[in-house]
Amino acid sequence: MGKFLLLMDSFRKEARHSPLSRLVKHIAKQSGLERHLTQGTEDERVRWENVRELVSAASHYDSLDPQDAVVRFLDSAALASREDEKEKGDAVRLATIHSAKGLEFTAVFVVGMEDNVFPHSRSKRAPEELEEERRLCYVAVTRAKEHLWLMFAQARRLFGQLQANPPSRFLFDIPERLIAFTPTDGAEHVIDIDEPRVLS
């Protein structure tokens, strides 16, 4: 119990002066969470990536006073949670590809169509892992009944670092006659599939 209280006290002290992203990294390391997840099973290593994304989200508050940043970050997370609970008849559904299996939608947006994102960088280790990512991509695009947009970014912040990855190799598997490429004013580029049913 004494070690736990000392650990909590060290986190409180760190929170007084450290940028929020550094605080989250500090907590993950000192609590043993980083070691537990990075040295565990494949599922646990995937969970570690979620922690790294939490660091990335926290970095948006690094310019604020450290103690104010914590409050603002937690308020933002609570607000997002309450928004998720609202049921609306005509709304956008945000879902992972796995949870969308078996469902169909009039329009589908697939974001993150970049190498090292989708397919994931881990999939390069073995051909079967890359093929599993390709199957997931097939699942994603065939959820669309009428409209399908595949989106990739010139650069995106991943795990707190700005990365520039090439467009996903899966995009080049789609026949050119079916697509319309649309650069946007922002970082995202859009590929519009005119006939998503042809892909299924």
N, C-alpha and C. Protein backbone atom coordinates (compact mmCIF):
# COMPACT_ATOMS: atom_id res chain seq x y z
N MET A 1 0.83 -1.20 0.00
CA MET A 1 0.00 0.00 0.00
C MET A 1 0.87 1.26 0.00
N GLY A 2 1.98 1.20 0.77
CA GLY A 2 2.87 2.34 0.84
C GLY A 2 3.47 2.67 -0.52
N LYS A 3 3.85 1.64 -1.31
CA LYS A 3 4.41 1.87 -2.64
C LYS A 3 3.39 2.52 -3.57
N PHE A 4 2.14 2.08 -3.44
CA PHE A 4 1.09 2.64 -4.28
C PHE A 4 0.90 4.13 -3.99
N LEU A 5 0.86 4.48 -2.70
CA LEU A 5 0.68 5.88 -2.32
C LEU A 5 1.85 6.74 -2.79
N LEU A 6 3.05 6.19 -2.71
CA LEU A 6 4.22 6.91 -3.20
C LEU A 6 4.12 7.13 -4.70
N LEU A 7 3.64 6.12 -5.40
CA LEU A 7 3.48 6.23 -6.85
C LEU A 7 2.46 7.31 -7.20
N MET A 8 1.32 7.31 -6.50
CA MET A 8 0.30 8.33 -6.74
C MET A 8 0.84 9.73 -6.45
N ASP A 9 1.64 9.84 -5.40
CA ASP A 9 2.22 11.13 -5.06
C ASP A 9 3.18 11.61 -6.15
N SER A 10 3.94 10.67 -6.72
CA SER A 10 4.88 11.04 -7.80
C SER A 10 4.11 11.50 -9.03
N PHE A 11 2.94 10.88 -9.30
CA PHE A 11 2.12 11.31 -10.44
C PHE A 11 1.57 12.71 -10.22
N ARG A 12 1.14 13.01 -9.00
CA ARG A 12 0.62 14.34 -8.69
C ARG A 12 1.70 15.41 -8.88
N LYS A 13 2.92 15.09 -8.44
CA LYS A 13 4.02 16.03 -8.60
C LYS A 13 4.35 16.25 -10.08
N GLU A 14 4.36 15.17 -10.85
CA GLU A 14 4.65 15.25 -12.28
C GLU A 14 3.58 16.08 -12.99
N ALA A 15 2.33 15.94 -12.55
CA ALA A 15 1.21 16.65 -13.19
C ALA A 15 1.30 18.16 -13.01
N ARG A 16 2.07 18.62 -12.00
CA ARG A 16 2.15 20.06 -11.73
C ARG A 16 2.99 20.80 -12.77
N HIS A 17 3.94 20.10 -13.40
CA HIS A 17 4.87 20.82 -14.29
C HIS A 17 5.08 20.20 -15.66
N SER A 18 4.65 18.95 -15.88
CA SER A 18 4.92 18.29 -17.16
C SER A 18 3.80 18.52 -18.17
N PRO A 19 4.14 18.66 -19.46
CA PRO A 19 3.10 18.66 -20.49
C PRO A 19 2.28 17.38 -20.37
N LEU A 20 1.01 17.45 -20.77
CA LEU A 20 0.10 16.33 -20.56
C LEU A 20 0.58 15.05 -21.21
N SER A 21 1.08 15.11 -22.43
CA SER A 21 1.52 13.88 -23.11
C SER A 21 2.68 13.23 -22.36
N ARG A 22 3.58 14.05 -21.80
CA ARG A 22 4.69 13.50 -21.04
C ARG A 22 4.19 12.86 -19.74
N LEU A 23 3.17 13.48 -19.14
CA LEU A 23 2.58 12.90 -17.93
C LEU A 23 1.98 11.53 -18.21
N VAL A 24 1.24 11.40 -19.32
CA VAL A 24 0.63 10.11 -19.66
C VAL A 24 1.72 9.06 -19.88
N LYS A 25 2.78 9.44 -20.58
CA LYS A 25 3.89 8.49 -20.80
C LYS A 25 4.55 8.10 -19.48
N HIS A 26 4.71 9.08 -18.61
CA HIS A 26 5.31 8.83 -17.30
C HIS A 26 4.47 7.83 -16.50
N ILE A 27 3.17 8.05 -16.49
CA ILE A 27 2.27 7.15 -15.75
C ILE A 27 2.32 5.74 -16.33
N ALA A 28 2.29 5.63 -17.65
CA ALA A 28 2.33 4.31 -18.29
C ALA A 28 3.61 3.56 -17.95
N LYS A 29 4.71 4.29 -17.90
CA LYS A 29 6.01 3.65 -17.63
C LYS A 29 6.15 3.28 -16.16
N GLN A 30 5.91 4.27 -15.27
CA GLN A 30 6.14 4.05 -13.85
C GLN A 30 5.14 3.08 -13.23
N SER A 31 3.94 3.00 -13.79
CA SER A 31 2.93 2.08 -13.25
C SER A 31 3.19 0.63 -13.65
N GLY A 32 4.07 0.44 -14.65
CA GLY A 32 4.35 -0.92 -15.14
C GLY A 32 3.46 -1.32 -16.29
N LEU A 33 2.53 -0.42 -16.69
CA LEU A 33 1.61 -0.75 -17.78
C LEU A 33 2.36 -0.96 -19.10
N GLU A 34 3.34 -0.09 -19.37
CA GLU A 34 4.10 -0.22 -20.62
C GLU A 34 4.80 -1.58 -20.69
N ARG A 35 5.49 -1.93 -19.61
CA ARG A 35 6.21 -3.21 -19.59
C ARG A 35 5.24 -4.39 -19.74
N HIS A 36 4.13 -4.31 -19.03
CA HIS A 36 3.15 -5.41 -19.07
C HIS A 36 2.59 -5.62 -20.48
N LEU A 37 2.24 -4.52 -21.16
CA LEU A 37 1.61 -4.64 -22.47
C LEU A 37 2.61 -4.93 -23.58
N THR A 38 3.79 -4.34 -23.53
CA THR A 38 4.76 -4.55 -24.62
C THR A 38 5.42 -5.92 -24.54
N GLN A 39 5.43 -6.54 -23.39
CA GLN A 39 6.06 -7.85 -23.24
C GLN A 39 5.04 -8.97 -23.15
N GLY A 40 3.77 -8.65 -23.40
CA GLY A 40 2.70 -9.64 -23.27
C GLY A 40 2.32 -10.27 -24.60
N THR A 41 1.06 -10.65 -24.69
CA THR A 41 0.55 -11.32 -25.88
C THR A 41 0.35 -10.31 -27.01
N GLU A 42 -0.01 -10.81 -28.19
CA GLU A 42 -0.28 -9.94 -29.33
C GLU A 42 -1.44 -8.99 -29.01
N ASP A 43 -2.48 -9.48 -28.35
CA ASP A 43 -3.61 -8.63 -27.97
C ASP A 43 -3.17 -7.51 -27.03
N GLU A 44 -2.26 -7.84 -26.12
CA GLU A 44 -1.77 -6.83 -25.19
C GLU A 44 -0.92 -5.80 -25.90
N ARG A 45 -0.16 -6.22 -26.91
CA ARG A 45 0.64 -5.26 -27.68
C ARG A 45 -0.26 -4.31 -28.48
N VAL A 46 -1.41 -4.84 -28.94
CA VAL A 46 -2.39 -3.98 -29.62
C VAL A 46 -2.94 -2.96 -28.63
N ARG A 47 -3.18 -3.38 -27.40
CA ARG A 47 -3.67 -2.45 -26.37
C ARG A 47 -2.64 -1.36 -26.08
N TRP A 48 -1.36 -1.71 -26.17
CA TRP A 48 -0.33 -0.70 -25.96
C TRP A 48 -0.42 0.40 -27.02
N GLU A 49 -0.80 0.01 -28.23
CA GLU A 49 -0.97 1.02 -29.27
C GLU A 49 -2.11 1.97 -28.92
N ASN A 50 -3.12 1.48 -28.23
CA ASN A 50 -4.20 2.36 -27.77
C ASN A 50 -3.66 3.37 -26.76
N VAL A 51 -2.75 2.92 -25.89
CA VAL A 51 -2.13 3.84 -24.93
C VAL A 51 -1.31 4.89 -25.67
N ARG A 52 -0.59 4.46 -26.69
CA ARG A 52 0.20 5.42 -27.47
C ARG A 52 -0.70 6.45 -28.17
N GLU A 53 -1.86 6.00 -28.61
CA GLU A 53 -2.81 6.94 -29.20
C GLU A 53 -3.36 7.92 -28.16
N LEU A 54 -3.48 7.44 -26.92
CA LEU A 54 -3.89 8.32 -25.83
C LEU A 54 -2.84 9.42 -25.63
N VAL A 55 -1.57 9.05 -25.73
CA VAL A 55 -0.49 10.04 -25.64
C VAL A 55 -0.62 11.06 -26.78
N SER A 56 -0.93 10.55 -27.98
CA SER A 56 -1.10 11.43 -29.13
C SER A 56 -2.25 12.41 -28.90
N ALA A 57 -3.36 11.91 -28.37
CA ALA A 57 -4.51 12.78 -28.09
C ALA A 57 -4.15 13.81 -27.01
N ALA A 58 -3.38 13.37 -26.02
CA ALA A 58 -2.99 14.29 -24.93
C ALA A 58 -2.06 15.38 -25.43
N SER A 59 -1.29 15.10 -26.47
CA SER A 59 -0.32 16.09 -26.97
C SER A 59 -1.01 17.36 -27.49
N HIS A 60 -2.29 17.27 -27.83
CA HIS A 60 -3.03 18.45 -28.29
C HIS A 60 -3.23 19.47 -27.17
N TYR A 61 -3.00 19.05 -25.93
CA TYR A 61 -3.18 19.93 -24.78
C TYR A 61 -1.85 20.36 -24.17
N ASP A 62 -0.74 20.02 -24.81
CA ASP A 62 0.58 20.31 -24.25
C ASP A 62 0.89 21.80 -24.13
N SER A 63 0.25 22.61 -24.94
CA SER A 63 0.53 24.05 -24.90
C SER A 63 -0.16 24.74 -23.71
N LEU A 64 -1.07 24.05 -23.05
CA LEU A 64 -1.79 24.63 -21.92
C LEU A 64 -0.99 24.46 -20.64
N ASP A 65 -1.37 25.24 -19.63
CA ASP A 65 -0.81 25.02 -18.29
C ASP A 65 -1.08 23.57 -17.89
N PRO A 66 -0.06 22.84 -17.36
CA PRO A 66 -0.22 21.41 -17.09
C PRO A 66 -1.47 21.02 -16.32
N GLN A 67 -1.77 21.77 -15.25
CA GLN A 67 -2.95 21.40 -14.45
C GLN A 67 -4.25 21.71 -15.18
N ASP A 68 -4.27 22.78 -15.93
CA ASP A 68 -5.44 23.10 -16.73
C ASP A 68 -5.63 22.08 -17.85
N ALA A 69 -4.51 21.60 -18.39
CA ALA A 69 -4.57 20.62 -19.48
C ALA A 69 -5.26 19.34 -19.04
N VAL A 70 -4.95 18.89 -17.84
CA VAL A 70 -5.57 17.65 -17.32
C VAL A 70 -7.09 17.82 -17.24
N VAL A 71 -7.53 18.96 -16.69
CA VAL A 71 -8.97 19.22 -16.54
C VAL A 71 -9.65 19.29 -17.90
N ARG A 72 -9.04 20.02 -18.83
CA ARG A 72 -9.63 20.18 -20.16
C ARG A 72 -9.71 18.84 -20.89
N PHE A 73 -8.65 18.05 -20.77
CA PHE A 73 -8.60 16.74 -21.43
C PHE A 73 -9.69 15.82 -20.89
N LEU A 74 -9.82 15.77 -19.58
CA LEU A 74 -10.84 14.90 -18.97
C LEU A 74 -12.25 15.39 -19.28
N ASP A 75 -12.44 16.72 -19.30
CA ASP A 75 -13.75 17.27 -19.68
C ASP A 75 -14.10 16.89 -21.11
N SER A 76 -13.12 16.96 -21.99
CA SER A 76 -13.33 16.61 -23.39
C SER A 76 -13.70 15.14 -23.54
N ALA A 77 -13.00 14.28 -22.78
CA ALA A 77 -13.28 12.84 -22.84
C ALA A 77 -14.68 12.54 -22.32
N ALA A 78 -15.09 13.23 -21.25
CA ALA A 78 -16.43 13.02 -20.68
C ALA A 78 -17.50 13.48 -21.65
N LEU A 79 -17.26 14.61 -22.32
CA LEU A 79 -18.22 15.13 -23.29
C LEU A 79 -18.37 14.16 -24.45
N ALA A 80 -17.25 13.62 -24.93
CA ALA A 80 -17.30 12.66 -26.03
C ALA A 80 -18.07 11.42 -25.62
N SER A 81 -17.89 10.99 -24.38
CA SER A 81 -18.59 9.81 -23.89
C SER A 81 -20.10 10.05 -23.86
N ARG A 82 -20.51 11.24 -23.40
CA ARG A 82 -21.94 11.54 -23.35
C ARG A 82 -22.53 11.63 -24.75
N GLU A 83 -21.76 12.18 -25.70
CA GLU A 83 -22.23 12.26 -27.08
C GLU A 83 -22.44 10.88 -27.65
N ASP A 84 -21.55 9.94 -27.30
CA ASP A 84 -21.66 8.57 -27.81
C ASP A 84 -22.95 7.90 -27.37
N GLU A 85 -23.46 8.32 -26.19
CA GLU A 85 -24.64 7.67 -25.64
C GLU A 85 -25.93 8.14 -26.30
N LYS A 86 -25.88 9.26 -27.02
CA LYS A 86 -27.10 9.80 -27.62
C LYS A 86 -27.54 8.94 -28.80
N GLU A 87 -28.79 8.67 -28.87
CA GLU A 87 -29.36 7.92 -29.97
C GLU A 87 -30.04 8.88 -30.93
N LYS A 88 -29.66 8.85 -32.18
CA LYS A 88 -30.29 9.71 -33.18
C LYS A 88 -30.73 8.85 -34.34
N GLY A 89 -31.89 9.18 -34.91
CA GLY A 89 -32.40 8.39 -36.01
C GLY A 89 -31.55 8.52 -37.27
N ASP A 90 -31.11 9.73 -37.57
CA ASP A 90 -30.35 9.97 -38.78
C ASP A 90 -28.97 10.46 -38.36
N ALA A 91 -28.03 9.55 -38.24
CA ALA A 91 -26.73 9.92 -37.69
C ALA A 91 -25.62 9.11 -38.34
N VAL A 92 -24.41 9.55 -38.11
CA VAL A 92 -23.23 8.83 -38.57
C VAL A 92 -22.86 7.79 -37.53
N ARG A 93 -22.54 6.59 -37.98
CA ARG A 93 -22.08 5.56 -37.05
C ARG A 93 -20.57 5.40 -37.23
N LEU A 94 -19.84 5.57 -36.15
CA LEU A 94 -18.40 5.37 -36.16
C LEU A 94 -18.13 3.95 -35.67
N ALA A 95 -17.44 3.15 -36.48
CA ALA A 95 -17.26 1.75 -36.12
C ALA A 95 -15.93 1.23 -36.63
N THR A 96 -15.43 0.21 -35.95
CA THR A 96 -14.27 -0.51 -36.48
C THR A 96 -14.76 -1.45 -37.58
N ILE A 97 -13.84 -1.90 -38.39
CA ILE A 97 -14.22 -2.82 -39.47
C ILE A 97 -14.75 -4.12 -38.89
N HIS A 98 -14.11 -4.59 -37.81
CA HIS A 98 -14.56 -5.85 -37.20
C HIS A 98 -16.01 -5.76 -36.74
N SER A 99 -16.37 -4.62 -36.12
CA SER A 99 -17.74 -4.51 -35.60
C SER A 99 -18.75 -4.26 -36.71
N ALA A 100 -18.28 -3.89 -37.91
CA ALA A 100 -19.20 -3.62 -39.03
C ALA A 100 -19.49 -4.87 -39.86
N LYS A 101 -18.83 -5.97 -39.55
CA LYS A 101 -19.06 -7.20 -40.32
C LYS A 101 -20.54 -7.58 -40.28
N GLY A 102 -21.06 -7.93 -41.44
CA GLY A 102 -22.45 -8.35 -41.53
C GLY A 102 -23.44 -7.20 -41.67
N LEU A 103 -22.96 -5.96 -41.55
CA LEU A 103 -23.84 -4.80 -41.67
C LEU A 103 -23.67 -4.15 -43.03
N GLU A 104 -24.66 -3.39 -43.45
CA GLU A 104 -24.57 -2.63 -44.70
C GLU A 104 -25.09 -1.22 -44.46
N PHE A 105 -24.49 -0.27 -45.19
CA PHE A 105 -24.86 1.13 -45.04
C PHE A 105 -24.98 1.76 -46.43
N THR A 106 -25.81 2.77 -46.53
CA THR A 106 -25.96 3.48 -47.80
C THR A 106 -24.63 4.08 -48.24
N ALA A 107 -23.93 4.71 -47.30
CA ALA A 107 -22.64 5.35 -47.60
C ALA A 107 -21.63 4.93 -46.55
N VAL A 108 -20.39 4.70 -46.99
CA VAL A 108 -19.31 4.29 -46.08
C VAL A 108 -18.08 5.13 -46.37
N PHE A 109 -17.45 5.62 -45.31
CA PHE A 109 -16.15 6.29 -45.39
C PHE A 109 -15.13 5.40 -44.70
N VAL A 110 -14.07 5.03 -45.40
CA VAL A 110 -12.98 4.27 -44.78
C VAL A 110 -11.79 5.22 -44.69
N VAL A 111 -11.38 5.55 -43.47
CA VAL A 111 -10.29 6.51 -43.29
C VAL A 111 -9.00 5.78 -42.92
N GLY A 112 -7.88 6.46 -43.11
CA GLY A 112 -6.59 5.86 -42.75
C GLY A 112 -6.08 4.89 -43.79
N MET A 113 -6.43 5.12 -45.05
CA MET A 113 -5.99 4.22 -46.12
C MET A 113 -4.54 4.54 -46.52
N GLU A 114 -3.62 4.27 -45.59
CA GLU A 114 -2.20 4.51 -45.82
C GLU A 114 -1.41 3.29 -45.39
N ASP A 115 -0.31 3.02 -46.08
CA ASP A 115 0.59 1.96 -45.63
C ASP A 115 1.10 2.29 -44.24
N ASN A 116 1.23 1.27 -43.42
CA ASN A 116 1.61 1.34 -42.01
C ASN A 116 0.44 1.73 -41.12
N VAL A 117 -0.69 2.09 -41.73
CA VAL A 117 -1.93 2.29 -40.98
C VAL A 117 -2.91 1.20 -41.39
N PHE A 118 -3.18 1.12 -42.68
CA PHE A 118 -4.04 0.06 -43.25
C PHE A 118 -3.56 -0.26 -44.65
N PRO A 119 -2.69 -1.27 -44.84
CA PRO A 119 -2.35 -2.30 -43.85
C PRO A 119 -1.44 -1.78 -42.74
N HIS A 120 -1.62 -2.39 -41.58
CA HIS A 120 -0.83 -2.04 -40.41
C HIS A 120 0.62 -2.42 -40.62
N SER A 121 1.53 -1.69 -39.99
CA SER A 121 2.96 -1.96 -40.15
C SER A 121 3.33 -3.37 -39.70
N ARG A 122 2.58 -3.92 -38.72
CA ARG A 122 2.89 -5.28 -38.25
C ARG A 122 2.63 -6.33 -39.32
N SER A 123 1.73 -6.03 -40.25
CA SER A 123 1.34 -7.03 -41.24
C SER A 123 2.47 -7.34 -42.23
N LYS A 124 3.51 -6.52 -42.25
CA LYS A 124 4.62 -6.75 -43.17
C LYS A 124 5.50 -7.92 -42.71
N ARG A 125 5.27 -8.38 -41.48
CA ARG A 125 6.11 -9.45 -40.95
C ARG A 125 5.86 -10.79 -41.62
N ALA A 126 4.64 -11.00 -42.11
CA ALA A 126 4.32 -12.30 -42.68
C ALA A 126 3.24 -12.13 -43.75
N PRO A 127 3.34 -12.90 -44.87
CA PRO A 127 2.34 -12.80 -45.94
C PRO A 127 0.91 -13.05 -45.46
N GLU A 128 0.74 -13.99 -44.52
CA GLU A 128 -0.62 -14.29 -44.06
C GLU A 128 -1.22 -13.12 -43.28
N GLU A 129 -0.38 -12.37 -42.59
CA GLU A 129 -0.89 -11.20 -41.86
C GLU A 129 -1.31 -10.11 -42.84
N LEU A 130 -0.56 -9.94 -43.92
CA LEU A 130 -0.92 -8.96 -44.93
C LEU A 130 -2.23 -9.35 -45.61
N GLU A 131 -2.40 -10.65 -45.86
CA GLU A 131 -3.64 -11.11 -46.49
C GLU A 131 -4.84 -10.93 -45.57
N GLU A 132 -4.61 -11.07 -44.27
CA GLU A 132 -5.70 -10.84 -43.31
C GLU A 132 -6.12 -9.37 -43.35
N GLU A 133 -5.15 -8.46 -43.48
CA GLU A 133 -5.47 -7.04 -43.62
C GLU A 133 -6.23 -6.79 -44.92
N ARG A 134 -5.83 -7.50 -45.98
CA ARG A 134 -6.52 -7.34 -47.26
C ARG A 134 -7.97 -7.81 -47.14
N ARG A 135 -8.20 -8.90 -46.41
CA ARG A 135 -9.57 -9.39 -46.20
C ARG A 135 -10.39 -8.36 -45.42
N LEU A 136 -9.76 -7.73 -44.43
CA LEU A 136 -10.45 -6.70 -43.66
C LEU A 136 -10.82 -5.52 -44.55
N CYS A 137 -9.92 -5.16 -45.46
CA CYS A 137 -10.22 -4.08 -46.39
C CYS A 137 -11.42 -4.45 -47.26
N TYR A 138 -11.46 -5.69 -47.70
CA TYR A 138 -12.59 -6.16 -48.51
C TYR A 138 -13.90 -6.05 -47.71
N VAL A 139 -13.83 -6.43 -46.44
CA VAL A 139 -15.01 -6.31 -45.58
C VAL A 139 -15.46 -4.85 -45.51
N ALA A 140 -14.49 -3.94 -45.33
CA ALA A 140 -14.82 -2.52 -45.20
C ALA A 140 -15.51 -1.98 -46.44
N VAL A 141 -14.94 -2.24 -47.62
CA VAL A 141 -15.50 -1.64 -48.83
C VAL A 141 -16.83 -2.27 -49.22
N THR A 142 -17.05 -3.50 -48.84
CA THR A 142 -18.31 -4.14 -49.21
C THR A 142 -19.44 -3.86 -48.22
N ARG A 143 -19.19 -2.99 -47.24
CA ARG A 143 -20.29 -2.55 -46.35
C ARG A 143 -21.14 -1.50 -47.05
N ALA A 144 -20.61 -0.90 -48.13
CA ALA A 144 -21.31 0.21 -48.80
C ALA A 144 -22.31 -0.31 -49.83
N LYS A 145 -23.53 0.20 -49.77
CA LYS A 145 -24.55 -0.17 -50.75
C LYS A 145 -24.55 0.77 -51.95
N GLU A 146 -24.34 2.07 -51.72
CA GLU A 146 -24.43 3.04 -52.81
C GLU A 146 -23.19 3.92 -52.97
N HIS A 147 -22.62 4.36 -51.84
CA HIS A 147 -21.49 5.30 -51.91
C HIS A 147 -20.35 4.81 -51.03
N LEU A 148 -19.13 4.89 -51.57
CA LEU A 148 -17.96 4.49 -50.82
C LEU A 148 -16.86 5.51 -51.03
N TRP A 149 -16.29 6.01 -49.93
CA TRP A 149 -15.16 6.93 -50.00
C TRP A 149 -14.00 6.34 -49.22
N LEU A 150 -12.85 6.25 -49.85
CA LEU A 150 -11.63 5.76 -49.21
C LEU A 150 -10.71 6.97 -49.02
N MET A 151 -10.30 7.22 -47.79
CA MET A 151 -9.57 8.45 -47.49
C MET A 151 -8.16 8.16 -46.98
N PHE A 152 -7.20 8.94 -47.50
CA PHE A 152 -5.83 8.84 -46.99
C PHE A 152 -5.25 10.23 -46.81
N ALA A 153 -4.28 10.34 -45.93
CA ALA A 153 -3.72 11.64 -45.58
C ALA A 153 -2.29 11.76 -46.09
N GLN A 154 -1.89 12.99 -46.43
CA GLN A 154 -0.50 13.23 -46.77
C GLN A 154 0.39 13.03 -45.55
N ALA A 155 -0.12 13.42 -44.39
CA ALA A 155 0.59 13.25 -43.13
C ALA A 155 -0.43 13.19 -42.01
N ARG A 156 -0.14 12.44 -40.99
CA ARG A 156 -1.03 12.37 -39.83
C ARG A 156 -0.20 12.17 -38.58
N ARG A 157 -0.77 12.57 -37.45
CA ARG A 157 -0.09 12.39 -36.18
C ARG A 157 -0.47 11.03 -35.61
N LEU A 158 0.53 10.18 -35.45
CA LEU A 158 0.34 8.85 -34.87
C LEU A 158 1.24 8.71 -33.66
N PHE A 159 0.66 8.31 -32.54
CA PHE A 159 1.41 8.11 -31.31
C PHE A 159 2.24 9.34 -30.95
N GLY A 160 1.68 10.51 -31.24
CA GLY A 160 2.33 11.76 -30.88
C GLY A 160 3.37 12.25 -31.86
N GLN A 161 3.58 11.53 -32.95
CA GLN A 161 4.58 11.93 -33.94
C GLN A 161 3.92 12.11 -35.31
N LEU A 162 4.39 13.12 -36.04
CA LEU A 162 3.88 13.36 -37.38
C LEU A 162 4.51 12.36 -38.34
N GLN A 163 3.67 11.62 -39.07
CA GLN A 163 4.16 10.62 -40.01
C GLN A 163 3.57 10.87 -41.39
N ALA A 164 4.38 10.63 -42.41
CA ALA A 164 3.92 10.72 -43.80
C ALA A 164 4.10 9.35 -44.43
N ASN A 165 3.00 8.68 -44.67
CA ASN A 165 3.03 7.34 -45.26
C ASN A 165 2.45 7.38 -46.66
N PRO A 166 2.90 6.48 -47.55
CA PRO A 166 2.30 6.44 -48.89
C PRO A 166 0.87 5.92 -48.82
N PRO A 167 0.07 6.18 -49.86
CA PRO A 167 -1.29 5.62 -49.89
C PRO A 167 -1.25 4.10 -49.74
N SER A 168 -2.29 3.55 -49.19
CA SER A 168 -2.38 2.11 -48.97
C SER A 168 -2.22 1.34 -50.27
N ARG A 169 -1.47 0.26 -50.20
CA ARG A 169 -1.29 -0.60 -51.39
C ARG A 169 -2.62 -1.19 -51.85
N PHE A 170 -3.59 -1.26 -50.93
CA PHE A 170 -4.89 -1.82 -51.30
C PHE A 170 -5.64 -0.93 -52.29
N LEU A 171 -5.35 0.36 -52.27
CA LEU A 171 -6.01 1.27 -53.21
C LEU A 171 -5.68 0.93 -54.65
N PHE A 172 -4.48 0.39 -54.87
CA PHE A 172 -4.04 0.09 -56.22
C PHE A 172 -4.61 -1.23 -56.75
N ASP A 173 -5.34 -1.93 -55.88
CA ASP A 173 -6.02 -3.16 -56.32
C ASP A 173 -7.36 -2.85 -56.97
N ILE A 174 -7.84 -1.61 -56.85
CA ILE A 174 -9.15 -1.23 -57.36
C ILE A 174 -9.01 -0.76 -58.81
N PRO A 175 -9.82 -1.27 -59.72
CA PRO A 175 -9.75 -0.83 -61.13
C PRO A 175 -9.94 0.68 -61.26
N GLU A 176 -9.07 1.32 -62.03
CA GLU A 176 -9.11 2.78 -62.18
C GLU A 176 -10.45 3.27 -62.72
N ARG A 177 -11.12 2.47 -63.54
CA ARG A 177 -12.37 2.92 -64.15
C ARG A 177 -13.46 3.13 -63.10
N LEU A 178 -13.27 2.60 -61.89
CA LEU A 178 -14.30 2.71 -60.86
C LEU A 178 -14.09 3.88 -59.92
N ILE A 179 -12.96 4.57 -60.02
CA ILE A 179 -12.64 5.54 -58.98
C ILE A 179 -12.57 6.97 -59.51
N ALA A 180 -12.79 7.91 -58.60
CA ALA A 180 -12.60 9.33 -58.86
C ALA A 180 -11.77 9.88 -57.71
N PHE A 181 -10.62 10.48 -58.01
CA PHE A 181 -9.71 10.98 -56.98
C PHE A 181 -10.00 12.45 -56.71
N THR A 182 -10.13 12.81 -55.44
CA THR A 182 -10.45 14.18 -55.06
C THR A 182 -9.48 14.68 -54.00
N PRO A 183 -8.50 15.53 -54.37
CA PRO A 183 -7.68 16.15 -53.31
C PRO A 183 -8.52 17.19 -52.58
N THR A 184 -8.29 17.36 -51.29
CA THR A 184 -9.06 18.31 -50.49
C THR A 184 -8.17 19.45 -50.03
N ASP A 185 -8.80 20.47 -49.46
CA ASP A 185 -8.04 21.61 -48.95
C ASP A 185 -7.20 21.22 -47.74
N GLY A 186 -7.65 20.20 -47.02
CA GLY A 186 -6.90 19.75 -45.83
C GLY A 186 -5.88 18.70 -46.20
N ALA A 187 -5.52 17.88 -45.21
CA ALA A 187 -4.50 16.86 -45.42
C ALA A 187 -5.07 15.60 -46.07
N GLU A 188 -6.39 15.41 -45.95
CA GLU A 188 -6.99 14.18 -46.44
C GLU A 188 -7.25 14.25 -47.95
N HIS A 189 -7.05 13.11 -48.61
CA HIS A 189 -7.43 12.94 -50.01
C HIS A 189 -8.50 11.86 -50.07
N VAL A 190 -9.38 11.98 -51.04
CA VAL A 190 -10.54 11.09 -51.09
C VAL A 190 -10.59 10.36 -52.41
N ILE A 191 -10.85 9.06 -52.34
CA ILE A 191 -11.13 8.27 -53.53
C ILE A 191 -12.59 7.85 -53.45
N ASP A 192 -13.35 8.26 -54.44
CA ASP A 192 -14.79 7.97 -54.49
C ASP A 192 -15.01 6.78 -55.41
N ILE A 193 -15.60 5.73 -54.88
CA ILE A 193 -15.90 4.54 -55.68
C ILE A 193 -17.32 4.68 -56.21
N ASP A 194 -17.45 4.78 -57.52
CA ASP A 194 -18.76 5.01 -58.12
C ASP A 194 -19.67 3.80 -58.02
N GLU A 195 -19.08 2.60 -58.06
CA GLU A 195 -19.91 1.39 -58.06
C GLU A 195 -19.37 0.41 -57.02
N PRO A 196 -19.65 0.66 -55.72
CA PRO A 196 -19.10 -0.21 -54.70
C PRO A 196 -19.52 -1.66 -54.85
N ARG A 197 -20.70 -1.90 -55.45
CA ARG A 197 -21.17 -3.27 -55.59
C ARG A 197 -20.26 -4.08 -56.54
N VAL A 198 -19.59 -3.43 -57.44
CA VAL A 198 -18.71 -4.13 -58.38
C VAL A 198 -17.54 -4.75 -57.64
N LEU A 199 -17.18 -4.17 -56.48
CA LEU A 199 -16.04 -4.67 -55.73
C LEU A 199 -16.38 -5.90 -54.92
N SER A 200 -17.65 -6.18 -54.70
CA SER A 200 -18.03 -7.29 -53.82
C SER A 200 -18.21 -8.58 -54.60
